[in-house]
C-alpha atoms as a PDB file:
ATOM      1  CA  MET A   1      -0.895   5.993 -12.394  1.00  0.00           C
ATOM      2  CA  LYS A   2      -1.689   3.844  -9.438  1.00  0.00           C
ATOM      3  CA  ALA A   3      -1.417   5.013  -5.843  1.00  0.00           C
ATOM      4  CA  PHE A   4      -3.372   4.701  -2.599  1.00  0.00           C
ATOM      5  CA  ASN A   5      -5.064   1.430  -3.586  1.00  0.00           C
ATOM      6  CA  GLY A   6      -2.891  -0.698  -1.278  1.00  0.00           C
ATOM      7  CA  ILE A   7      -4.061   0.988   1.937  1.00  0.00           C
ATOM      8  CA  LEU A   8      -7.524   1.289   3.434  1.00  0.00           C
ATOM      9  CA  ALA A   9      -9.060   4.754   3.222  1.00  0.00           C
ATOM     10  CA  HIS A  10      -9.443   5.181   6.992  1.00  0.00           C
ATOM     11  CA  HIS A  11      -5.785   4.275   7.549  1.00  0.00           C
ATOM     12  CA  ILE A  12      -4.652   7.207   5.397  1.00  0.00           C
ATOM     13  CA  PRO A  13      -5.450   9.996   7.889  1.00  0.00           C
ATOM     14  CA  ASN A  14      -4.389   7.782  10.802  1.00  0.00           C
ATOM     15  CA  LEU A  15      -0.949   7.091   9.334  1.00  0.00           C
ATOM     16  CA  ALA A  16      -0.206  10.402   7.598  1.00  0.00           C
ATOM     17  CA  GLY A  17       2.919  11.863   9.161  1.00  0.00           C
ATOM     18  CA  SER A  18       3.423   8.806  11.376  1.00  0.00           C
ATOM     19  CA  THR A  19       6.642   8.038  13.195  1.00  0.00           C
ATOM     20  CA  PRO A  20       8.179   6.034  11.718  1.00  0.00           C
ATOM     21  CA  ARG A  21       7.001   7.470   8.434  1.00  0.00           C
ATOM     22  CA  THR A  22       4.613   5.164   6.578  1.00  0.00           C
ATOM     23  CA  ALA A  23       5.280   4.427   2.913  1.00  0.00           C
ATOM     24  CA  LEU A  24       2.869   3.761   0.060  1.00  0.00           C
ATOM     25  CA  PHE A  25       3.363   2.077  -3.293  1.00  0.00           C
ATOM     26  CA  ILE A  26       3.074   3.971  -6.549  1.00  0.00           C
ATOM     27  CA  ALA A  27       3.190   2.558 -10.068  1.00  0.00           C
ATOM     28  CA  GLY A  28       2.897   4.114 -13.487  1.00  0.00           C
ATOM     29  CA  ASP A  29       4.139   4.300 -17.026  1.00  0.00           C
ATOM     30  CA  ASN A  30       4.981   8.002 -17.094  1.00  0.00           C
ATOM     31  CA  ALA A  31       8.028   9.198 -15.124  1.00  0.00           C
ATOM     32  CA  ALA A  32       6.779  12.783 -14.833  1.00  0.00           C
ATOM     33  CA  ALA A  33       3.389  11.642 -13.554  1.00  0.00           C
ATOM     34  CA  LYS A  34       5.092   9.346 -11.045  1.00  0.00           C
ATOM     35  CA  GLN A  35       7.163  12.257  -9.753  1.00  0.00           C
ATOM     36  CA  ALA A  36       4.064  14.435  -9.421  1.00  0.00           C
ATOM     37  CA  VAL A  37       2.224  11.700  -7.514  1.00  0.00           C
ATOM     38  CA  ALA A  38       5.272  11.039  -5.300  1.00  0.00           C
ATOM     39  CA  SER A  39       5.336  14.759  -4.441  1.00  0.00           C
ATOM     40  CA  LEU A  40       1.644  14.714  -3.541  1.00  0.00           C
ATOM     41  CA  VAL A  41       2.040  11.559  -1.431  1.00  0.00           C
ATOM     42  CA  SER A  42       4.989  13.162   0.360  1.00  0.00           C
ATOM     43  CA  ALA A  43       3.028  16.355   1.002  1.00  0.00           C
ATOM     44  CA  LEU A  44       0.325  14.205   2.605  1.00  0.00           C
ATOM     45  CA  GLY A  45       2.894  12.775   5.018  1.00  0.00           C
ATOM     46  CA  PHE A  46       3.998   9.508   3.417  1.00  0.00           C
ATOM     47  CA  ASP A  47       7.103   8.109   1.762  1.00  0.00           C
ATOM     48  CA  THR A  48       6.748   6.309  -1.564  1.00  0.00           C
ATOM     49  CA  VAL A  49       8.055   3.069  -2.973  1.00  0.00           C
ATOM     50  CA  ASP A  50       8.176   2.873  -6.753  1.00  0.00           C
ATOM     51  CA  ALA A  51       6.566  -0.453  -7.685  1.00  0.00           C
ATOM     52  CA  GLY A  52       7.389  -0.114 -11.371  1.00  0.00           C
ATOM     53  CA  THR A  53       5.076   0.115 -14.346  1.00  0.00           C
ATOM     54  CA  LEU A  54       1.334  -0.433 -14.408  1.00  0.00           C
ATOM     55  CA  ALA A  55       1.998  -3.899 -15.835  1.00  0.00           C
ATOM     56  CA  GLU A  56       3.918  -4.670 -12.629  1.00  0.00           C
ATOM     57  CA  ALA A  57       1.309  -3.163 -10.321  1.00  0.00           C
ATOM     58  CA  TRP A  58      -0.205  -6.603  -9.642  1.00  0.00           C
ATOM     59  CA  ARG A  59       2.490  -6.846  -6.968  1.00  0.00           C
ATOM     60  CA  PHE A  60       0.311  -4.752  -4.629  1.00  0.00           C
ATOM     61  CA  GLU A  61      -3.115  -6.119  -5.474  1.00  0.00           C
ATOM     62  CA  PRO A  62      -5.415  -8.214  -3.265  1.00  0.00           C
ATOM     63  CA  GLU A  63      -3.941 -11.577  -2.278  1.00  0.00           C
ATOM     64  CA  SER A  64      -0.438 -10.579  -3.448  1.00  0.00           C
ATOM     65  CA  GLY A  65       1.039 -10.339   0.044  1.00  0.00           C
ATOM     66  CA  ALA A  66       1.682  -6.595  -0.346  1.00  0.00           C
ATOM     67  CA  TYR A  67      -1.856  -5.290   0.045  1.00  0.00           C
ATOM     68  CA  THR A  68      -4.008  -3.629   2.726  1.00  0.00           C
ATOM     69  CA  PRO A  69      -3.517  -6.145   5.593  1.00  0.00           C
ATOM     70  CA  ILE A  70       0.113  -5.049   5.847  1.00  0.00           C
ATOM     71  CA  TYR A  71      -1.106  -1.787   7.422  1.00  0.00           C
ATOM     72  CA  VAL A  72      -3.374  -3.504  10.000  1.00  0.00           C
ATOM     73  CA  ALA A  73      -2.383  -2.970  13.637  1.00  0.00           C
ATOM     74  CA  ASP A  74      -4.470  -5.763  15.163  1.00  0.00           C
ATOM     75  CA  MET A  75      -5.972  -8.518  12.998  1.00  0.00           C
ATOM     76  CA  ALA A  76      -8.530  -9.498  15.684  1.00  0.00           C
ATOM     77  CA  VAL A  77      -9.821  -5.925  15.901  1.00  0.00           C
ATOM     78  CA  PHE A  78      -9.730  -5.660  12.124  1.00  0.00           C
ATOM     79  CA  ALA A  79     -11.730  -8.890  11.705  1.00  0.00           C
ATOM     80  CA  ALA A  80     -14.362  -7.754  14.188  1.00  0.00           C
ATOM     81  CA  ASP A  81     -14.659  -4.177  12.906  1.00  0.00           C
ATOM     82  CA  TYR A  82     -12.148  -3.099  10.288  1.00  0.00           C
ATOM     83  CA  LEU A  83     -12.921   0.574  10.862  1.00  0.00           C
ATOM     84  CA  ALA A  84     -11.838   0.240  14.506  1.00  0.00           C
ATOM     85  CA  ASP A  85      -8.294  -0.721  13.498  1.00  0.00           C
ATOM     86  CA  PRO A  86      -6.084   2.388  13.640  1.00  0.00           C
ATOM     87  CA  GLY A  87      -3.447   1.020  11.285  1.00  0.00           C
ATOM     88  CA  THR A  88       0.262   0.631  11.846  1.00  0.00           C
ATOM     89  CA  PRO A  89       3.186   2.307  10.082  1.00  0.00           C
ATOM     90  CA  VAL A  90       4.981   0.349   7.382  1.00  0.00           C
ATOM     91  CA  VAL A  91       8.335   1.832   6.396  1.00  0.00           C
ATOM     92  CA  ALA A  92       9.707   1.944   2.847  1.00  0.00           C
ATOM     93  CA  ASP A  93      12.292  -0.807   3.378  1.00  0.00           C
ATOM     94  CA  ARG A  94       9.560  -3.175   4.597  1.00  0.00           C
ATOM     95  CA  LEU A  95       7.397  -2.308   1.584  1.00  0.00           C
ATOM     96  CA  ARG A  96      10.301  -3.128  -0.723  1.00  0.00           C
ATOM     97  CA  GLU A  97      10.660  -6.528   0.979  1.00  0.00           C
ATOM     98  CA  LEU A  98       6.947  -7.223   0.638  1.00  0.00           C
ATOM     99  CA  LEU A  99       7.006  -6.157  -2.999  1.00  0.00           C
ATOM    100  CA  ALA A 100       9.922  -8.490  -3.742  1.00  0.00           C
ATOM    101  CA  ASP A 101       8.103 -11.378  -2.031  1.00  0.00           C
ATOM    102  CA  SER A 102       4.671 -10.685  -3.515  1.00  0.00           C
ATOM    103  CA  HIS A 103       2.988 -13.223  -5.753  1.00  0.00           C
ATOM    104  CA  ARG A 104       0.420 -12.968  -8.483  1.00  0.00           C
ATOM    105  CA  ALA A 105      -2.998 -13.987  -7.229  1.00  0.00           C
ATOM    106  CA  ASP A 106      -4.913 -16.679  -9.091  1.00  0.00           C
ATOM    107  CA  VAL A 107      -7.887 -14.464  -9.866  1.00  0.00           C
ATOM    108  CA  ALA A 108      -9.664 -17.207 -11.807  1.00  0.00           C
ATOM    109  CA  ALA A 109      -9.699 -19.426  -8.709  1.00  0.00           C
ATOM    110  CA  ARG A 110     -11.462 -16.875  -6.479  1.00  0.00           C
ATOM    111  CA  GLN A 111     -14.714 -17.991  -4.914  1.00  0.00           C
ATOM    112  CA  PHE A 112     -17.337 -15.593  -3.653  1.00  0.00           C
END
């Protein structure tokens, strides 16, 4: 199972129960486990978007276009002090769009 990795930890309490309701991606290979995780995510105040299997979970990894910056409220604030950014709601339909448009990052080309 994969959940909560596409959002920064400090955005979770800030966006839980937001209006509009924020959505998070989940991915997994076991339907029952996915349902259990979706129930937990819902109880924490979020909607879920099923991103498919674990093999497809690259769609919400760093540099994919569907990762943590999508929840940033103000990129200037975030760049200066990421913990100062309160986050912004992202609804399920927008997450589905981002997932459809995501691309696989060229991990081998990363420079540190």
